[in-house]
């Protein structure tokens, strides 16, 4: 679906359940996202985000979930995507997870740049938003390096590992 020099971002299918499960049960991968859920709850989330044979449509309020694959090895390194809020806002919330063994290799930056281009230029979204748990300096730095601006912080907005976490809200607005 989306090509970069090193990566292919393709729609997640039923065959990607092992990757989804691994990301959502790996303490390092999930630490800034949520607590580890039960496998049953993870599977329900997977089913909501799995595209199967149905085409994705930006006008439906749903996640576009893409598997990030290394083109040279064919190995899945993580997930990327966005939650479309087309009508009436023309906005999408961006999110990604990279397996720990592939972090620090530039995959998140390369895939995020490609996703930004797809969302803004091919889909026509006006604004992309992201929520980053305070303390997740890697994601915050990556997004700001790609042009996202910190719009504010929501205090004690989410609970992870029994502790309240501040959520930093970032946004990137398309150049008109």
Protein backbone atom coordinates (compact mmCIF):
# COMPACT_ATOMS: atom_id res chain seq x y z
CA UNK A 1 0.00 0.00 0.00
CA UNK A 2 2.76 2.50 0.99
CA UNK A 3 6.36 2.08 -0.20
CA UNK A 4 9.51 3.67 1.24
CA UNK A 5 13.14 2.95 0.37
CA UNK A 6 13.40 0.19 3.02
CA UNK A 7 9.82 -0.52 4.03
CA UNK A 8 6.45 -1.66 2.81
CA UNK A 9 3.38 -0.61 4.80
CA UNK A 10 0.48 -2.92 3.99
CA UNK A 11 -2.99 -3.55 5.38
CA UNK A 12 -3.06 -5.81 8.42
CA UNK A 13 -4.82 -9.13 7.80
CA UNK A 14 -5.82 -12.17 9.87
CA UNK A 15 -2.35 -13.61 9.20
CA UNK A 16 -0.83 -10.81 11.28
CA UNK A 17 -2.37 -11.97 14.57
CA UNK A 18 1.00 -13.26 15.93
CA UNK A 19 2.62 -9.85 15.34
CA UNK A 20 -0.31 -7.99 16.93
CA UNK A 21 -0.26 -10.31 19.94
CA UNK A 22 3.53 -10.01 20.33
CA UNK A 23 3.40 -6.20 20.27
CA UNK A 24 0.53 -6.06 22.77
CA UNK A 25 2.12 -8.50 25.24
CA UNK A 26 5.70 -7.24 25.08
CA UNK A 27 6.32 -5.02 28.12
CA UNK A 28 8.83 -2.83 26.32
CA UNK A 29 6.64 -2.35 23.22
CA UNK A 30 3.44 -1.58 25.12
CA UNK A 31 4.86 0.39 28.10
CA UNK A 32 3.81 3.82 26.78
CA UNK A 33 0.49 2.65 25.31
CA UNK A 34 -1.41 0.71 27.96
CA UNK A 35 -1.28 -2.11 30.43
CA UNK A 36 -1.03 -5.59 28.97
CA UNK A 37 -4.55 -6.84 28.34
CA UNK A 38 -5.87 -10.37 28.35
CA UNK A 39 -5.36 -12.31 25.12
CA UNK A 40 -9.14 -12.27 24.64
CA UNK A 41 -9.22 -8.45 24.82
CA UNK A 42 -6.19 -8.17 22.54
CA UNK A 43 -7.92 -10.42 20.00
CA UNK A 44 -11.08 -8.30 20.13
CA UNK A 45 -8.97 -5.19 19.44
CA UNK A 46 -7.23 -7.05 16.61
CA UNK A 47 -10.58 -7.98 15.04
CA UNK A 48 -11.68 -4.31 15.15
CA UNK A 49 -8.52 -3.23 13.36
CA UNK A 50 -8.09 -6.10 10.94
CA UNK A 51 -9.08 -5.22 7.41
CA UNK A 52 -9.41 -8.64 5.84
CA UNK A 53 -10.90 -8.21 2.39
CA UNK A 54 -12.83 -5.01 3.13
CA UNK A 55 -11.26 -1.89 1.64
CA UNK A 56 -10.38 0.93 4.02
CA UNK A 57 -12.34 4.16 3.58
CA UNK A 58 -11.28 7.49 5.14
CA UNK A 59 -14.93 8.49 5.60
CA UNK A 60 -15.57 5.63 8.01
CA UNK A 61 -14.60 6.30 11.62
CA UNK A 62 -12.10 3.47 11.96
CA UNK A 63 -8.42 2.61 12.19
CA UNK A 64 -6.29 2.14 9.11
CA UNK A 65 -3.86 -0.43 10.52
CA UNK A 66 -0.73 -1.16 8.53
CA UNK A 67 2.00 -3.72 9.06
CA UNK A 68 5.51 -2.30 8.65
CA UNK A 69 7.67 -4.78 6.74
CA UNK A 70 11.36 -4.64 5.93
CA UNK A 71 11.39 -5.00 2.13
CA UNK A 72 14.75 -6.74 2.05
CA UNK A 73 13.96 -9.44 4.64
CA UNK A 74 10.14 -9.53 4.52
CA UNK A 75 10.19 -9.34 8.31
CA UNK A 76 7.41 -7.46 10.12
CA UNK A 77 8.91 -4.81 12.42
CA UNK A 78 5.75 -3.22 13.81
CA UNK A 79 2.43 -1.55 13.17
CA UNK A 80 1.49 1.92 12.03
CA UNK A 81 -1.72 3.64 11.15
CA UNK A 82 -4.27 6.24 11.97
CA UNK A 83 -7.81 6.59 13.23
CA UNK A 84 -9.83 8.51 10.66
CA UNK A 85 -12.16 11.27 11.81
CA UNK A 86 -12.94 12.59 8.37
CA UNK A 87 -16.42 13.94 8.86
CA UNK A 88 -16.61 16.76 9.86
CA UNK A 89 -13.03 17.33 11.08
CA UNK A 90 -10.80 15.96 8.29
CA UNK A 91 -8.47 14.79 11.05
CA UNK A 92 -6.72 11.54 11.86
CA UNK A 93 -4.95 10.33 15.00
CA UNK A 94 -1.60 8.70 14.22
CA UNK A 95 -0.19 5.78 16.20
CA UNK A 96 2.63 3.27 15.86
CA UNK A 97 4.34 0.42 17.71
CA UNK A 98 7.74 -1.06 16.83
CA UNK A 99 9.03 -4.37 18.17
CA UNK A 100 11.88 -3.70 20.63
CA UNK A 101 14.46 -5.56 18.52
CA UNK A 102 13.81 -3.10 15.67
CA UNK A 103 13.73 0.13 17.68
CA UNK A 104 16.49 2.65 17.04
CA UNK A 105 16.90 1.66 13.38
CA UNK A 106 14.90 4.51 11.87
CA UNK A 107 11.87 2.39 10.97
CA UNK A 108 9.45 4.52 13.00
CA UNK A 109 10.69 7.73 11.40
CA UNK A 110 10.67 6.33 7.85
CA UNK A 111 7.20 4.82 8.19
CA UNK A 112 5.77 7.89 9.94
CA UNK A 113 7.06 10.21 7.22
CA UNK A 114 5.44 7.98 4.59
CA UNK A 115 2.19 7.83 6.55
CA UNK A 116 2.12 11.62 6.91
CA UNK A 117 2.53 12.02 3.14
CA UNK A 118 -0.21 9.46 2.50
CA UNK A 119 -2.66 11.00 4.98
CA UNK A 120 -2.13 14.63 3.99
CA UNK A 121 -1.45 14.44 0.27
CA UNK A 122 -3.25 11.32 -0.94
CA UNK A 123 -6.17 11.24 1.50
CA UNK A 124 -6.51 15.00 1.96
CA UNK A 125 -6.64 15.14 5.76
CA UNK A 126 -6.32 18.66 7.16
CA UNK A 127 -4.78 17.76 10.51
CA UNK A 128 -2.94 14.82 12.04
CA UNK A 129 -2.89 14.43 15.79
CA UNK A 130 -0.88 12.21 18.12
CA UNK A 131 -1.01 11.44 21.81
CA UNK A 132 2.31 10.69 23.50
CA UNK A 133 2.57 9.65 27.13
CA UNK A 134 4.79 12.07 29.01
CA UNK A 135 8.21 10.49 29.38
CA UNK A 136 8.16 8.82 25.96
CA UNK A 137 10.92 11.07 24.66
CA UNK A 138 11.67 8.88 21.63
CA UNK A 139 8.17 9.22 20.16
CA UNK A 140 7.85 12.88 21.16
CA UNK A 141 11.20 13.69 19.52
CA UNK A 142 10.39 11.72 16.37
CA UNK A 143 7.05 13.46 15.88
CA UNK A 144 8.40 16.96 16.53
CA UNK A 145 11.31 16.27 14.13
CA UNK A 146 8.69 15.49 11.47
CA UNK A 147 6.85 18.77 12.02
CA UNK A 148 4.31 17.96 14.74
CA UNK A 149 3.84 20.72 17.31
CA UNK A 150 3.09 20.23 20.99
CA UNK A 151 -0.38 21.73 21.49
CA UNK A 152 -0.80 20.92 25.16
CA UNK A 153 -0.69 18.38 27.94
CA UNK A 154 -3.65 16.62 29.54
CA UNK A 155 -2.82 16.01 33.20
CA UNK A 156 -3.49 12.58 34.74
CA UNK A 157 -5.27 11.56 31.56
CA UNK A 158 -4.52 7.84 31.42
CA UNK A 159 -3.56 5.12 33.84
CA UNK A 160 -0.67 2.75 33.04
CA UNK A 161 0.74 0.26 35.55
CA UNK A 162 -1.44 1.76 38.27
CA UNK A 163 -0.04 5.28 37.80
CA UNK A 164 -1.69 8.31 36.25
CA UNK A 165 0.11 9.51 33.13
CA UNK A 166 0.04 12.92 31.48
CA UNK A 167 -0.76 12.81 27.76
CA UNK A 168 1.03 15.21 25.46
CA UNK A 169 -1.09 16.22 22.47
CA UNK A 170 0.74 16.97 19.24
CA UNK A 171 -0.55 18.02 15.84
CA UNK A 172 0.56 18.58 12.28
CA UNK A 173 -1.61 20.78 10.09
CA UNK A 174 -1.48 20.46 6.30
CA UNK A 175 -0.12 23.44 4.43
CA UNK A 176 -3.03 24.90 2.51
